[in-house]
């Protein structure tokens, strides 16, 4: 998560990128459990603010989240080979 936070800081500092917007990171821990990962994803999606991207680490959770996220036209970021 530290790298994601640093990236957000860099983007938010630039006045030429997304003027008038501030990107924020909202996170929950799926504990590498696919069922919990799906529950966390739905909780994040159905509560404000609107989410644009999902980050997944564990392969079992990533596969579950990626399959469901496409229904909301969301971007899922993960490592090879668990991306769609």
N, C-alpha and C. Protein backbone atom coordinates (compact mmCIF):
# COMPACT_ATOMS: atom_id res chain seq x y z
N UNK A 1 0.80 -1.20 0.00
CA UNK A 1 0.00 0.00 0.00
C UNK A 1 0.84 1.27 0.00
N UNK A 2 2.04 1.25 0.58
CA UNK A 2 2.83 2.48 0.56
C UNK A 2 3.09 2.99 -0.85
N UNK A 3 3.35 2.11 -1.80
CA UNK A 3 3.60 2.55 -3.18
C UNK A 3 2.36 3.19 -3.79
N UNK A 4 1.19 2.63 -3.52
CA UNK A 4 -0.05 3.21 -4.04
C UNK A 4 -0.29 4.58 -3.44
N UNK A 5 -0.02 4.74 -2.15
CA UNK A 5 -0.18 6.04 -1.51
C UNK A 5 0.79 7.07 -2.09
N UNK A 6 2.02 6.66 -2.34
CA UNK A 6 3.00 7.57 -2.95
C UNK A 6 2.56 7.99 -4.35
N UNK A 7 2.04 7.04 -5.12
CA UNK A 7 1.56 7.36 -6.46
C UNK A 7 0.40 8.36 -6.41
N UNK A 8 -0.51 8.16 -5.47
CA UNK A 8 -1.62 9.11 -5.33
C UNK A 8 -1.13 10.49 -4.94
N UNK A 9 -0.16 10.56 -4.05
CA UNK A 9 0.41 11.86 -3.68
C UNK A 9 0.99 12.56 -4.89
N UNK A 10 1.74 11.82 -5.71
CA UNK A 10 2.34 12.40 -6.91
C UNK A 10 1.28 12.92 -7.87
N UNK A 11 0.25 12.14 -8.11
CA UNK A 11 -0.82 12.56 -9.03
C UNK A 11 -1.55 13.76 -8.46
N UNK A 12 -1.89 13.73 -7.19
CA UNK A 12 -2.64 14.83 -6.58
C UNK A 12 -1.84 16.13 -6.53
N UNK A 13 -0.52 16.07 -6.49
CA UNK A 13 0.33 17.28 -6.46
C UNK A 13 0.31 18.01 -7.80
N UNK A 14 0.12 17.26 -8.87
CA UNK A 14 0.18 17.86 -10.21
C UNK A 14 -1.11 18.59 -10.53
N UNK A 15 -0.97 19.85 -10.88
CA UNK A 15 -2.15 20.68 -11.19
C UNK A 15 -2.65 20.43 -12.62
N UNK A 16 -1.80 19.81 -13.46
CA UNK A 16 -2.20 19.56 -14.85
C UNK A 16 -2.93 18.23 -15.03
N UNK A 17 -2.96 17.41 -13.99
CA UNK A 17 -3.66 16.13 -14.04
C UNK A 17 -4.94 16.22 -13.21
N UNK A 18 -6.04 15.92 -13.82
CA UNK A 18 -7.34 15.87 -13.13
C UNK A 18 -7.61 17.13 -12.30
N UNK A 19 -7.54 18.31 -12.92
CA UNK A 19 -7.78 19.54 -12.15
C UNK A 19 -9.16 19.52 -11.50
N UNK A 20 -9.20 19.91 -10.25
CA UNK A 20 -10.46 19.94 -9.51
C UNK A 20 -10.81 18.64 -8.81
N UNK A 21 -9.96 17.63 -8.95
CA UNK A 21 -10.20 16.33 -8.33
C UNK A 21 -9.06 15.97 -7.38
N UNK A 22 -9.40 15.23 -6.34
CA UNK A 22 -8.40 14.68 -5.43
C UNK A 22 -8.66 13.17 -5.36
N UNK A 23 -7.66 12.39 -5.71
CA UNK A 23 -7.80 10.93 -5.65
C UNK A 23 -7.50 10.45 -4.24
N UNK A 24 -8.29 9.49 -3.78
CA UNK A 24 -8.11 8.93 -2.44
C UNK A 24 -8.13 7.41 -2.52
N UNK A 25 -7.43 6.80 -1.59
CA UNK A 25 -7.37 5.34 -1.53
C UNK A 25 -8.21 4.86 -0.35
N UNK A 26 -9.16 3.99 -0.64
CA UNK A 26 -9.98 3.35 0.40
C UNK A 26 -9.64 1.87 0.35
N UNK A 27 -9.31 1.29 1.49
CA UNK A 27 -8.88 -0.11 1.46
C UNK A 27 -9.51 -0.93 2.58
N UNK A 28 -9.59 -2.20 2.30
CA UNK A 28 -10.01 -3.21 3.27
C UNK A 28 -9.16 -4.44 3.03
N UNK A 29 -9.05 -5.31 4.01
CA UNK A 29 -8.21 -6.50 3.90
C UNK A 29 -9.08 -7.73 3.68
N UNK A 30 -8.84 -8.44 2.59
CA UNK A 30 -9.60 -9.66 2.28
C UNK A 30 -9.01 -10.89 2.96
N UNK A 31 -7.84 -10.74 3.58
CA UNK A 31 -7.15 -11.85 4.26
C UNK A 31 -6.92 -13.03 3.32
N UNK A 32 -6.81 -12.76 2.02
CA UNK A 32 -6.60 -13.78 0.97
C UNK A 32 -7.71 -14.83 0.93
N UNK A 33 -8.90 -14.46 1.35
CA UNK A 33 -10.06 -15.35 1.32
C UNK A 33 -11.01 -14.87 0.21
N UNK A 34 -11.26 -15.68 -0.83
CA UNK A 34 -12.10 -15.24 -1.94
C UNK A 34 -13.50 -14.78 -1.53
N UNK A 35 -14.14 -15.49 -0.63
CA UNK A 35 -15.48 -15.10 -0.18
C UNK A 35 -15.46 -13.76 0.53
N UNK A 36 -14.49 -13.58 1.41
CA UNK A 36 -14.36 -12.30 2.11
C UNK A 36 -14.00 -11.21 1.11
N UNK A 37 -13.16 -11.54 0.13
CA UNK A 37 -12.79 -10.56 -0.90
C UNK A 37 -14.00 -10.07 -1.67
N UNK A 38 -14.90 -10.98 -2.02
CA UNK A 38 -16.13 -10.59 -2.72
C UNK A 38 -16.99 -9.71 -1.83
N UNK A 39 -17.09 -10.06 -0.56
CA UNK A 39 -17.87 -9.26 0.39
C UNK A 39 -17.28 -7.86 0.55
N UNK A 40 -15.97 -7.79 0.67
CA UNK A 40 -15.28 -6.50 0.79
C UNK A 40 -15.53 -5.66 -0.46
N UNK A 41 -15.43 -6.30 -1.63
CA UNK A 41 -15.64 -5.58 -2.89
C UNK A 41 -17.05 -5.00 -2.95
N UNK A 42 -18.06 -5.80 -2.65
CA UNK A 42 -19.43 -5.30 -2.67
C UNK A 42 -19.63 -4.18 -1.66
N UNK A 43 -19.04 -4.31 -0.48
CA UNK A 43 -19.14 -3.27 0.54
C UNK A 43 -18.53 -1.97 0.03
N UNK A 44 -17.36 -2.05 -0.59
CA UNK A 44 -16.72 -0.85 -1.14
C UNK A 44 -17.55 -0.24 -2.26
N UNK A 45 -18.12 -1.08 -3.12
CA UNK A 45 -18.86 -0.57 -4.27
C UNK A 45 -20.18 0.08 -3.89
N UNK A 46 -20.84 -0.45 -2.88
CA UNK A 46 -22.16 0.05 -2.54
C UNK A 46 -22.16 1.14 -1.47
N UNK A 47 -21.00 1.61 -1.09
CA UNK A 47 -20.88 2.71 -0.14
C UNK A 47 -20.07 3.83 -0.78
N UNK A 48 -20.46 5.06 -0.48
CA UNK A 48 -19.76 6.23 -1.00
C UNK A 48 -18.34 6.26 -0.48
N UNK A 49 -17.44 6.88 -1.19
CA UNK A 49 -17.58 7.51 -2.50
C UNK A 49 -17.49 6.49 -3.63
N UNK A 50 -17.76 6.93 -4.84
CA UNK A 50 -17.69 6.07 -6.02
C UNK A 50 -16.26 5.58 -6.22
N UNK A 51 -16.11 4.30 -6.52
CA UNK A 51 -14.79 3.71 -6.75
C UNK A 51 -14.57 3.56 -8.26
N UNK A 52 -13.33 3.76 -8.68
CA UNK A 52 -12.98 3.64 -10.09
C UNK A 52 -12.08 2.46 -10.39
N UNK A 53 -11.34 2.01 -9.39
CA UNK A 53 -10.33 0.98 -9.61
C UNK A 53 -10.27 0.08 -8.39
N UNK A 54 -10.00 -1.19 -8.63
CA UNK A 54 -9.80 -2.14 -7.55
C UNK A 54 -8.39 -2.70 -7.64
N UNK A 55 -7.74 -2.84 -6.51
CA UNK A 55 -6.41 -3.43 -6.45
C UNK A 55 -6.52 -4.76 -5.73
N UNK A 56 -5.90 -5.77 -6.27
CA UNK A 56 -5.97 -7.09 -5.63
C UNK A 56 -4.58 -7.70 -5.58
N UNK A 57 -4.29 -8.40 -4.51
CA UNK A 57 -2.98 -8.98 -4.34
C UNK A 57 -2.97 -10.50 -4.44
N UNK A 58 -3.76 -11.15 -3.63
CA UNK A 58 -3.78 -12.62 -3.61
C UNK A 58 -4.48 -13.16 -4.86
N UNK A 59 -3.90 -14.19 -5.44
CA UNK A 59 -4.44 -14.72 -6.69
C UNK A 59 -5.87 -15.21 -6.56
N UNK A 60 -6.19 -15.87 -5.46
CA UNK A 60 -7.55 -16.40 -5.31
C UNK A 60 -8.57 -15.28 -5.20
N UNK A 61 -8.21 -14.23 -4.51
CA UNK A 61 -9.11 -13.08 -4.37
C UNK A 61 -9.16 -12.30 -5.68
N UNK A 62 -8.02 -12.13 -6.31
CA UNK A 62 -7.95 -11.37 -7.56
C UNK A 62 -8.85 -11.96 -8.63
N UNK A 63 -8.83 -13.26 -8.77
CA UNK A 63 -9.66 -13.92 -9.78
C UNK A 63 -11.14 -13.67 -9.50
N UNK A 64 -11.55 -13.80 -8.26
CA UNK A 64 -12.94 -13.56 -7.87
C UNK A 64 -13.34 -12.12 -8.11
N UNK A 65 -12.51 -11.19 -7.67
CA UNK A 65 -12.81 -9.77 -7.80
C UNK A 65 -12.84 -9.36 -9.28
N UNK A 66 -11.88 -9.83 -10.06
CA UNK A 66 -11.83 -9.45 -11.48
C UNK A 66 -13.06 -9.95 -12.23
N UNK A 67 -13.50 -11.15 -11.94
CA UNK A 67 -14.68 -11.69 -12.61
C UNK A 67 -15.92 -10.86 -12.29
N UNK A 68 -16.05 -10.41 -11.05
CA UNK A 68 -17.22 -9.63 -10.65
C UNK A 68 -17.09 -8.16 -11.06
N UNK A 69 -15.90 -7.60 -11.01
CA UNK A 69 -15.70 -6.17 -11.26
C UNK A 69 -16.08 -5.76 -12.68
N UNK A 70 -15.96 -6.67 -13.62
CA UNK A 70 -16.29 -6.32 -15.00
C UNK A 70 -17.77 -5.94 -15.14
N UNK A 71 -18.60 -6.41 -14.23
CA UNK A 71 -20.03 -6.06 -14.27
C UNK A 71 -20.26 -4.58 -13.97
N UNK A 72 -19.30 -3.95 -13.31
CA UNK A 72 -19.39 -2.53 -12.97
C UNK A 72 -18.45 -1.69 -13.84
N UNK A 73 -17.84 -2.30 -14.84
CA UNK A 73 -16.88 -1.61 -15.71
C UNK A 73 -15.74 -0.98 -14.92
N UNK A 74 -15.24 -1.71 -13.94
CA UNK A 74 -14.14 -1.22 -13.12
C UNK A 74 -12.82 -1.77 -13.61
N UNK A 75 -11.77 -1.04 -13.32
CA UNK A 75 -10.41 -1.49 -13.61
C UNK A 75 -9.92 -2.28 -12.41
N UNK A 76 -9.33 -3.43 -12.66
CA UNK A 76 -8.72 -4.24 -11.60
C UNK A 76 -7.22 -4.32 -11.90
N UNK A 77 -6.41 -3.93 -10.93
CA UNK A 77 -4.96 -3.97 -11.08
C UNK A 77 -4.43 -5.13 -10.26
N UNK A 78 -3.64 -5.99 -10.92
CA UNK A 78 -3.06 -7.13 -10.24
C UNK A 78 -1.78 -7.53 -10.96
N UNK A 79 -1.17 -8.60 -10.50
CA UNK A 79 0.05 -9.08 -11.13
C UNK A 79 -0.27 -10.24 -12.07
N UNK A 80 0.62 -10.49 -12.99
CA UNK A 80 0.48 -11.59 -13.95
C UNK A 80 0.46 -12.92 -13.21
N UNK A 81 -0.33 -13.87 -13.55
CA UNK A 81 -1.24 -13.94 -14.70
C UNK A 81 -2.69 -13.66 -14.33
N UNK A 82 -2.92 -12.99 -13.23
CA UNK A 82 -4.29 -12.83 -12.73
C UNK A 82 -4.89 -11.48 -13.09
N UNK A 83 -4.90 -11.16 -14.35
CA UNK A 83 -5.56 -9.95 -14.80
C UNK A 83 -6.43 -10.29 -16.00
N UNK A 84 -7.44 -9.46 -16.24
CA UNK A 84 -8.40 -9.74 -17.32
C UNK A 84 -8.56 -8.50 -18.18
